[in-house]
Protein backbone atom coordinates (compact mmCIF):
# COMPACT_ATOMS: atom_id res chain seq x y z
CA MET A 1 -45.74 -9.18 -49.16
CA THR A 2 -46.97 -6.86 -47.52
CA ILE A 3 -46.52 -2.56 -48.22
CA LYS A 4 -43.84 -2.45 -46.07
CA GLU A 5 -42.01 -5.75 -47.94
CA LYS A 6 -42.94 -3.82 -50.98
CA ILE A 7 -41.64 -0.72 -50.42
CA GLN A 8 -38.05 -1.69 -49.37
CA LYS A 9 -37.66 -4.01 -52.23
CA LYS A 10 -38.48 -1.13 -54.39
CA VAL A 11 -36.35 0.81 -53.16
CA GLU A 12 -33.93 -1.30 -53.16
CA GLU A 13 -33.97 -1.79 -56.79
CA LEU A 14 -34.17 1.69 -56.83
CA LYS A 15 -30.80 2.74 -55.53
CA PRO A 16 -28.78 2.32 -58.15
CA GLU A 17 -30.98 5.55 -60.35
CA ILE A 18 -31.05 6.69 -56.38
CA ILE A 19 -27.53 7.58 -55.67
CA GLU A 20 -26.64 8.58 -60.25
CA SER A 21 -29.42 11.54 -59.50
CA MET A 22 -28.29 12.59 -55.53
CA LYS A 23 -24.54 12.46 -57.80
CA LYS A 24 -26.24 14.86 -60.79
CA PHE A 25 -27.89 17.05 -58.01
CA ILE A 26 -24.54 18.29 -56.35
CA SER A 27 -22.36 18.27 -59.42
CA ILE A 28 -24.90 21.57 -60.53
CA ASN A 29 -23.66 24.60 -59.24
CA SER A 30 -27.21 26.32 -57.21
CA VAL A 31 -25.54 28.15 -55.12
CA ASN A 32 -28.34 31.49 -53.57
CA PRO A 33 -26.94 34.44 -56.21
CA ARG A 34 -27.46 36.66 -53.05
CA ALA A 35 -24.33 34.09 -51.63
CA GLY A 36 -22.54 34.67 -55.18
CA GLY A 37 -23.19 31.56 -56.89
CA PRO A 38 -25.60 30.94 -59.82
CA GLY A 39 -28.86 30.08 -59.05
CA GLU A 40 -31.01 27.88 -59.49
CA LYS A 41 -32.34 27.10 -62.96
CA GLU A 42 -29.95 24.45 -64.58
CA VAL A 43 -30.45 22.58 -61.38
CA ALA A 44 -34.41 23.38 -62.09
CA GLU A 45 -33.88 21.90 -65.47
CA PHE A 46 -32.62 18.74 -64.56
CA LEU A 47 -34.88 18.07 -61.99
CA MET A 48 -38.03 19.25 -64.29
CA ASN A 49 -36.30 16.52 -67.13
CA LEU A 50 -36.29 13.86 -64.29
CA ILE A 51 -39.59 13.90 -63.26
CA LYS A 52 -41.77 14.74 -66.17
CA GLY A 53 -41.91 11.15 -67.19
CA TRP A 54 -43.00 9.81 -63.83
CA LYS A 55 -46.77 9.54 -62.77
CA PHE A 56 -47.58 12.99 -61.45
CA ASP A 57 -50.64 14.41 -62.76
CA LEU A 58 -49.66 17.82 -62.66
CA ILE A 59 -45.85 19.63 -62.86
CA LYS A 60 -45.85 22.93 -62.89
CA ARG A 61 -43.06 25.37 -62.60
CA TYR A 62 -44.11 28.63 -60.52
CA ASP A 63 -41.03 31.69 -61.32
CA ALA A 64 -40.66 34.12 -59.16
CA PRO A 65 -39.47 36.88 -60.68
CA ASP A 66 -35.92 38.62 -59.56
CA ASP A 67 -33.85 41.29 -61.96
CA ALA A 68 -30.42 40.11 -59.58
CA VAL A 69 -29.70 36.99 -62.04
CA PRO A 70 -29.42 37.29 -65.48
CA TYR A 71 -31.91 35.41 -66.37
CA GLY A 72 -34.60 37.19 -64.46
CA PHE A 73 -36.29 35.11 -62.49
CA ARG A 74 -35.86 32.41 -59.06
CA PRO A 75 -37.61 28.80 -60.20
CA ASN A 76 -40.44 26.94 -58.17
CA ILE A 77 -40.91 23.44 -59.13
CA VAL A 78 -44.78 22.28 -57.43
CA ALA A 79 -45.38 18.44 -58.48
CA ILE A 80 -49.05 16.58 -57.84
CA TYR A 81 -49.41 12.79 -57.63
CA LYS A 82 -53.52 12.82 -56.76
CA GLY A 83 -55.13 10.50 -54.30
CA SER A 84 -58.04 8.82 -54.77
CA GLU A 85 -59.75 11.02 -52.49
CA GLY A 86 -57.81 14.15 -52.90
CA LYS A 87 -59.45 16.51 -50.04
CA ARG A 88 -56.23 16.99 -49.08
CA THR A 89 -52.66 17.37 -49.96
CA ILE A 90 -49.85 16.04 -48.16
CA TRP A 91 -46.90 18.52 -49.16
CA ILE A 92 -42.96 17.64 -49.28
CA ILE A 93 -40.94 20.60 -49.38
CA THR A 94 -37.31 20.55 -50.00
CA HIS A 95 -34.98 23.53 -51.69
CA MET A 96 -32.77 23.28 -55.02
CA ASP A 97 -30.14 26.51 -54.00
CA LYS A 98 -27.31 25.62 -52.02
CA VAL A 99 -24.79 27.62 -49.80
CA PRO A 100 -21.27 28.64 -51.49
CA ALA A 101 -18.13 25.83 -50.71
CA GLY A 102 -15.89 28.29 -49.21
CA ASP A 103 -12.33 27.70 -48.31
CA LEU A 104 -11.85 25.02 -51.37
CA SER A 105 -8.54 24.18 -49.61
CA LEU A 106 -10.47 22.88 -46.63
CA TRP A 107 -11.71 19.93 -49.67
CA LYS A 108 -10.61 16.28 -49.72
CA TYR A 109 -12.39 17.02 -53.03
CA ASP A 110 -14.14 19.47 -55.46
CA PRO A 111 -17.29 20.31 -54.34
CA PHE A 112 -18.88 20.02 -57.04
CA ASN A 113 -17.67 16.94 -58.68
CA PRO A 114 -19.38 14.02 -56.05
CA VAL A 115 -16.61 11.35 -55.01
CA GLU A 116 -18.26 8.24 -53.31
CA GLU A 117 -15.81 6.56 -50.84
CA ASP A 118 -16.45 4.63 -47.91
CA GLY A 119 -20.23 4.61 -48.26
CA LYS A 120 -20.64 8.74 -48.44
CA ILE A 121 -20.92 10.76 -51.50
CA TYR A 122 -19.37 14.31 -50.97
CA GLY A 123 -20.22 17.74 -52.52
CA ARG A 124 -21.80 20.82 -51.59
CA GLY A 125 -25.19 20.46 -51.91
CA SER A 126 -25.20 16.59 -50.38
CA GLU A 127 -26.96 16.76 -46.98
CA ASP A 128 -28.68 19.97 -47.51
CA ASN A 129 -30.89 19.51 -48.84
CA GLY A 130 -30.02 17.37 -52.06
CA ALA A 131 -30.53 14.22 -49.70
CA SER A 132 -33.66 14.85 -48.52
CA LEU A 133 -34.59 16.32 -52.22
CA ILE A 134 -33.91 13.45 -53.91
CA ALA A 135 -35.02 10.97 -50.64
CA SER A 136 -38.00 12.34 -50.78
CA ILE A 137 -38.97 12.50 -54.91
CA TYR A 138 -37.99 8.80 -55.21
CA GLY A 139 -39.88 8.09 -52.53
CA VAL A 140 -42.95 8.84 -54.33
CA LYS A 141 -41.42 7.46 -57.50
CA THR A 142 -41.51 4.22 -55.65
CA ILE A 143 -45.16 3.90 -54.72
CA MET A 144 -45.93 5.36 -57.89
CA ASP A 145 -43.90 1.96 -59.59
CA LEU A 146 -45.79 -0.21 -56.88
CA GLY A 147 -49.54 1.14 -58.52
CA ILE A 148 -50.04 3.06 -55.13
CA ARG A 149 -52.76 5.84 -55.06
CA PRO A 150 -52.93 6.89 -51.51
CA LYS A 151 -56.29 8.71 -50.23
CA ASP A 152 -54.85 11.98 -49.60
CA ASN A 153 -52.91 13.97 -52.92
CA LEU A 154 -49.52 14.11 -52.56
CA GLY A 155 -47.15 17.34 -53.70
CA ILE A 156 -43.84 17.20 -54.22
CA VAL A 157 -42.17 21.11 -53.42
CA LEU A 158 -38.31 21.99 -55.02
CA VAL A 159 -37.95 25.75 -54.00
CA SER A 160 -35.23 28.32 -54.61
CA ASP A 161 -33.26 30.39 -52.19
CA GLU A 162 -34.26 29.01 -48.69
CA GLU A 163 -30.64 29.35 -47.83
CA THR A 164 -31.32 33.88 -48.11
CA GLY A 165 -34.79 34.02 -46.73
CA SER A 166 -36.84 32.26 -49.22
CA ASP A 167 -38.53 35.69 -50.73
CA TYR A 168 -38.15 34.00 -53.96
CA GLY A 169 -39.04 30.57 -52.64
CA ILE A 170 -41.81 29.07 -50.65
CA LYS A 171 -42.43 32.97 -49.16
CA TYR A 172 -43.27 33.03 -53.22
CA LEU A 173 -45.64 29.86 -53.50
CA ILE A 174 -47.58 31.35 -50.57
CA LYS A 175 -48.47 33.92 -52.14
CA GLN A 176 -50.15 32.00 -55.25
CA GLY A 177 -52.20 30.61 -53.14
CA ILE A 178 -51.15 27.00 -53.58
CA PHE A 179 -52.12 25.63 -50.20
CA ASP A 180 -54.96 24.55 -48.10
CA LYS A 181 -55.68 24.93 -44.70
CA ASN A 182 -56.79 21.43 -44.67
CA ASP A 183 -53.12 19.87 -46.09
CA LEU A 184 -50.02 19.04 -43.97
CA PHE A 185 -46.93 19.39 -44.36
CA ILE A 186 -42.87 17.74 -44.14
CA VAL A 187 -39.88 19.75 -44.39
CA PRO A 188 -36.58 17.77 -44.67
CA ASP A 189 -34.18 20.16 -44.05
CA SER A 190 -33.38 19.22 -40.67
CA GLY A 191 -32.57 16.14 -38.58
CA ASN A 192 -29.87 13.87 -36.44
CA PRO A 193 -26.93 10.93 -36.78
CA LYS A 194 -29.87 8.42 -35.76
CA GLY A 195 -32.74 9.52 -37.62
CA ASP A 196 -34.85 10.19 -34.24
CA PHE A 197 -35.82 13.65 -34.48
CA ILE A 198 -38.57 14.98 -35.78
CA GLU A 199 -38.17 19.16 -35.54
CA ILE A 200 -41.45 21.06 -33.92
CA ALA A 201 -40.58 24.23 -33.25
CA GLU A 202 -37.68 26.71 -34.38
CA LYS A 203 -36.19 29.77 -33.61
CA SER A 204 -35.81 33.34 -34.70
CA ILE A 205 -34.08 34.24 -37.13
CA MET A 206 -32.43 37.78 -37.23
CA TRP A 207 -29.46 38.77 -39.39
CA LEU A 208 -27.63 41.73 -38.35
CA LYS A 209 -25.22 43.95 -40.85
CA ILE A 210 -23.09 46.72 -38.03
CA ILE A 211 -22.00 49.44 -40.10
CA THR A 212 -19.40 52.10 -38.15
CA GLU A 213 -18.62 54.54 -39.99
CA GLY A 214 -14.95 56.72 -38.93
CA LYS A 215 -12.57 58.97 -40.65
CA GLN A 216 -10.18 57.59 -42.66
CA ALA A 217 -6.48 58.38 -42.52
CA HIS A 218 -2.83 57.20 -42.36
CA ALA A 219 -2.37 55.12 -39.97
CA SER A 220 1.06 57.16 -38.38
CA ARG A 221 -1.47 59.78 -37.80
CA PRO A 222 -4.09 58.90 -35.66
CA ASP A 223 -4.78 62.27 -34.08
CA ILE A 224 -6.65 62.96 -37.41
CA GLY A 225 -8.55 60.14 -38.29
CA LEU A 226 -11.43 58.13 -36.93
CA ASN A 227 -10.91 54.26 -36.64
CA ALA A 228 -13.78 52.75 -37.92
CA HIS A 229 -12.19 49.07 -36.91
CA ARG A 230 -11.47 49.92 -33.71
CA TYR A 231 -14.73 51.15 -32.97
CA GLY A 232 -16.81 48.32 -34.89
CA MET A 233 -15.08 46.03 -32.89
CA LYS A 234 -15.45 47.41 -29.67
CA PHE A 235 -19.17 47.95 -30.30
CA SER A 236 -19.45 44.60 -31.43
CA VAL A 237 -17.89 42.60 -28.61
CA PHE A 238 -20.24 44.89 -26.59
CA LEU A 239 -23.21 44.28 -28.17
CA ASP A 240 -22.17 40.44 -27.72
CA GLU A 241 -21.68 40.29 -23.77
CA TYR A 242 -24.94 42.72 -23.34
CA LEU A 243 -27.58 40.57 -25.70
CA HIS A 244 -25.73 37.33 -23.88
CA LYS A 245 -26.61 38.35 -20.63
CA LYS A 246 -29.77 40.11 -20.86
CA TYR A 247 -31.83 37.20 -23.36
CA ASN A 248 -30.59 34.43 -21.21
CA ALA A 249 -33.74 32.29 -20.81
CA THR A 250 -33.40 28.86 -21.47
CA ASN A 251 -36.34 26.36 -23.16
CA GLU A 252 -35.21 22.99 -23.11
CA LEU A 253 -37.49 21.98 -26.01
CA PHE A 254 -34.66 22.90 -28.54
CA ASP A 255 -31.25 21.27 -28.97
CA TYR A 256 -28.91 24.34 -27.82
CA PRO A 257 -31.73 25.66 -25.43
CA LYS A 258 -30.45 29.21 -25.26
CA SER A 259 -30.93 32.01 -27.80
CA SER A 260 -27.25 32.78 -29.67
CA PHE A 261 -26.34 35.99 -30.68
CA GLU A 262 -22.87 35.30 -33.01
CA PRO A 263 -20.70 38.12 -34.94
CA THR A 264 -19.43 36.30 -38.06
CA LYS A 265 -19.27 37.82 -41.47
CA LYS A 266 -16.65 40.78 -41.44
CA LEU A 267 -16.04 43.04 -44.92
CA ASN A 268 -12.71 43.55 -45.82
CA ASN A 269 -12.11 47.59 -44.62
CA VAL A 270 -8.78 48.42 -46.37
CA GLU A 271 -6.52 47.43 -48.50
CA ASN A 272 -3.01 47.89 -47.13
CA VAL A 273 -1.69 47.64 -43.44
CA ASN A 274 -0.70 51.46 -42.75
CA THR A 275 -4.47 53.38 -43.14
CA ILE A 276 -6.59 53.84 -40.74
CA PRO A 277 -10.30 52.27 -41.81
CA GLY A 278 -13.40 55.02 -42.57
CA THR A 279 -15.79 52.00 -42.48
CA ASP A 280 -16.44 48.47 -40.97
CA VAL A 281 -18.91 46.29 -41.40
CA ILE A 282 -19.73 43.46 -39.38
CA TYR A 283 -22.28 41.13 -39.41
CA PHE A 284 -24.06 38.81 -36.44
CA ASP A 285 -26.37 36.02 -37.14
CA CYS A 286 -28.80 36.09 -33.74
CA ARG A 287 -30.86 32.84 -33.56
CA VAL A 288 -33.14 33.87 -30.72
CA LEU A 289 -36.18 31.72 -28.25
CA PRO A 290 -39.92 32.08 -29.77
CA ASP A 291 -40.16 33.37 -25.72
CA TYR A 292 -38.58 37.43 -27.20
CA ASN A 293 -39.78 39.42 -29.52
CA ILE A 294 -36.78 40.29 -32.17
CA ASP A 295 -38.54 43.47 -33.48
CA GLU A 296 -38.01 44.73 -29.51
CA ILE A 297 -35.08 43.45 -29.63
CA PHE A 298 -33.72 45.11 -32.71
CA ASN A 299 -35.41 48.44 -31.58
CA GLU A 300 -33.51 48.28 -28.54
CA ILE A 301 -30.11 47.45 -30.19
CA LEU A 302 -30.72 50.52 -32.16
CA LEU A 303 -30.79 52.55 -29.29
CA LEU A 304 -27.32 50.84 -27.72
CA ALA A 305 -25.76 52.28 -31.56
CA ASP A 306 -27.33 55.42 -30.88
CA ASP A 307 -26.11 55.66 -27.91
CA PHE A 308 -22.55 54.24 -28.58
CA SER A 309 -21.97 56.70 -31.48
CA LYS A 310 -22.25 59.43 -29.21
CA LYS A 311 -20.33 58.95 -26.49
CA HIS A 312 -17.46 58.32 -29.01
CA SER A 313 -18.33 60.43 -31.58
CA ILE A 314 -18.76 57.82 -34.44
CA LYS A 315 -21.55 56.70 -36.46
CA ILE A 316 -22.72 53.08 -36.59
CA LYS A 317 -25.66 52.20 -38.27
CA VAL A 318 -27.91 48.43 -38.00
CA GLU A 319 -29.24 47.09 -40.61
CA LYS A 320 -31.79 44.13 -40.49
CA ILE A 321 -30.39 41.43 -43.37
CA GLN A 322 -33.00 38.83 -42.18
CA PHE A 323 -35.57 38.44 -40.29
CA GLU A 324 -38.07 36.25 -38.75
CA GLN A 325 -39.96 35.79 -35.74
CA ALA A 326 -40.70 32.31 -34.75
CA ALA A 327 -43.96 31.14 -35.33
CA PRO A 328 -45.66 28.47 -32.15
CA PRO A 329 -45.14 25.25 -32.69
CA THR A 330 -46.16 22.37 -34.41
CA SER A 331 -48.10 20.11 -31.56
CA GLU A 332 -46.39 17.03 -31.13
CA ASN A 333 -49.69 15.31 -31.82
CA SER A 334 -50.89 17.06 -34.51
CA GLU A 335 -51.60 14.12 -37.62
CA ILE A 336 -48.74 14.87 -39.81
CA VAL A 337 -46.08 14.58 -36.56
CA LEU A 338 -48.00 11.20 -35.58
CA LYS A 339 -47.90 10.28 -39.58
CA VAL A 340 -43.84 10.84 -39.48
CA LYS A 341 -43.16 9.63 -36.18
CA ASN A 342 -45.76 5.61 -37.22
CA ALA A 343 -42.98 5.70 -40.45
CA ILE A 344 -39.87 6.10 -38.81
CA LYS A 345 -40.99 3.16 -36.15
CA GLU A 346 -42.00 1.03 -38.95
CA MET A 347 -39.42 1.65 -41.47
CA ARG A 348 -36.42 1.99 -38.81
CA ASN A 349 -37.63 0.42 -35.46
CA ILE A 350 -36.34 3.54 -33.74
CA GLU A 351 -38.84 5.53 -31.69
CA PRO A 352 -38.58 9.22 -32.54
CA LYS A 353 -38.53 12.06 -30.31
CA VAL A 354 -39.35 15.77 -30.73
CA GLY A 355 -37.66 19.29 -30.32
CA GLY A 356 -36.35 22.24 -31.43
CA ILE A 357 -33.62 23.94 -33.68
CA GLY A 358 -31.69 26.90 -33.86
CA GLY A 359 -31.80 26.92 -37.81
CA GLY A 360 -34.31 27.96 -40.44
CA THR A 361 -36.25 26.33 -42.64
CA CYS A 362 -39.61 26.72 -44.39
CA ALA A 363 -41.12 24.75 -42.07
CA ALA A 364 -41.16 28.31 -39.80
CA LEU A 365 -43.07 30.04 -42.41
CA ILE A 366 -45.62 27.26 -43.22
CA ARG A 367 -46.21 27.22 -39.33
CA LYS A 368 -46.41 31.46 -39.88
CA GLU A 369 -49.48 30.70 -41.80
CA GLY A 370 -51.06 28.56 -38.89
CA LEU A 371 -50.32 25.42 -41.06
CA PRO A 372 -48.80 21.91 -38.69
CA ALA A 373 -45.60 21.06 -40.46
CA ALA A 374 -42.93 18.49 -39.14
CA VAL A 375 -39.27 18.65 -40.03
CA TRP A 376 -37.22 15.28 -40.28
CA ALA A 377 -34.39 13.35 -41.80
CA THR A 378 -31.66 11.46 -41.27
CA ILE A 379 -27.95 13.58 -41.22
CA ASP A 380 -24.98 13.74 -40.08
CA GLU A 381 -25.21 18.07 -39.69
CA THR A 382 -22.26 18.15 -42.17
CA ALA A 383 -24.22 21.27 -43.87
CA HIS A 384 -22.53 24.50 -44.55
CA GLN A 385 -19.08 23.13 -43.56
CA PRO A 386 -16.28 21.96 -46.33
CA ASN A 387 -16.52 18.15 -46.99
CA GLU A 388 -20.22 18.37 -46.60
CA TYR A 389 -21.57 14.25 -47.69
CA VAL A 390 -24.61 12.13 -47.45
CA LYS A 391 -24.29 8.60 -46.28
CA ILE A 392 -26.09 5.97 -49.12
CA GLU A 393 -27.40 4.59 -46.28
CA ASN A 394 -29.36 7.15 -44.86
CA LEU A 395 -29.97 8.19 -48.34
CA ILE A 396 -31.52 5.03 -49.17
CA ASN A 397 -33.37 4.35 -45.49
CA ASP A 398 -35.03 8.06 -46.09
CA THR A 399 -36.29 7.43 -49.09
CA LYS A 400 -37.95 4.33 -47.15
CA VAL A 401 -39.18 6.44 -44.60
CA TYR A 402 -40.83 8.74 -46.86
CA ALA A 403 -42.41 6.06 -49.34
CA TYR A 404 -44.36 4.24 -46.52
CA LEU A 405 -45.28 7.33 -45.04
CA ILE A 406 -46.90 8.71 -48.00
CA ALA A 407 -48.22 5.03 -48.67
CA ASN A 408 -50.41 4.99 -46.04
CA SER A 409 -51.83 8.74 -46.17
């Protein structure tokens, strides 16, 4: 029996356990604290207990101090399965935190009570990033159970805080010096339904908070007030149109080939209809092509806000919320990309393609360190949506790809 056949057989044997672990991951509310959730502590404890009986040579927690959570830290898990030579490590990085469920009325089921239906498992965090987390760790378990020791070390990294900037996750681990310049990195946090897309580039991320300050008054007396909501909307529309018009370059490497500048979150200003708001707050999520320097764009926005403020006798302040300049892409001929391509071809019989995305993953931060990273998974792109799900078929097939890739490293 070939290694490929052995992997296929073993993963099918592990299938019930993989599905059960997937459901357990979904059932734990690990919504990022900066999005109002309890954080990753409970899910990290589940995962530590899950893998502690496996054949990892080292399992270590790296707790990033964070006073914003009651328990005072954000957990990160690093597990090593040593290779026969061990001159370098192939790392697979996934994240434990989730985004909020949002409007519960839009969900068919409780987002933290996983439901299996029509070959899918529904629940928050199923696709982002639970499916890849579970598939990657069971990919390693597969080769452990088969008694395979690849040449390279294998490293599983389960991080916190990916959804709100990674300060307590991959950034913290980079500072601990656990990665080497000769290592290779896989970040299973993006993909497409066919499973033939390998991400090698990401856009810059620029999240902005725009605060408009006017003067609160009764709605019947606009003459003595200054409506922050009106001018906040005017400035937002102006900025939206200005940025799209000026920064209009295209890059066909990306699935959406242009920069995006989207007004998104809006904070409540006043509770009652008959009050003119004195303060208004809106957020922009901007995903900018690497062609542009986002520091320069931000400085231009500050000048625009200052000019608008003077013109309308109002105060507009713009703050950075998340800010990451895109790193150079990973070469499509890099060793890690070629390894992922080969594993997909062998296990899925499909020809992969490479490209870039607007979303942000831990790969962007790895690339900033000058290290090669490939992003791949099979997903239906339901992340951050109501009724998020993972197809069981994708969960199992991806496990086989990870197992084959690391078995041949």
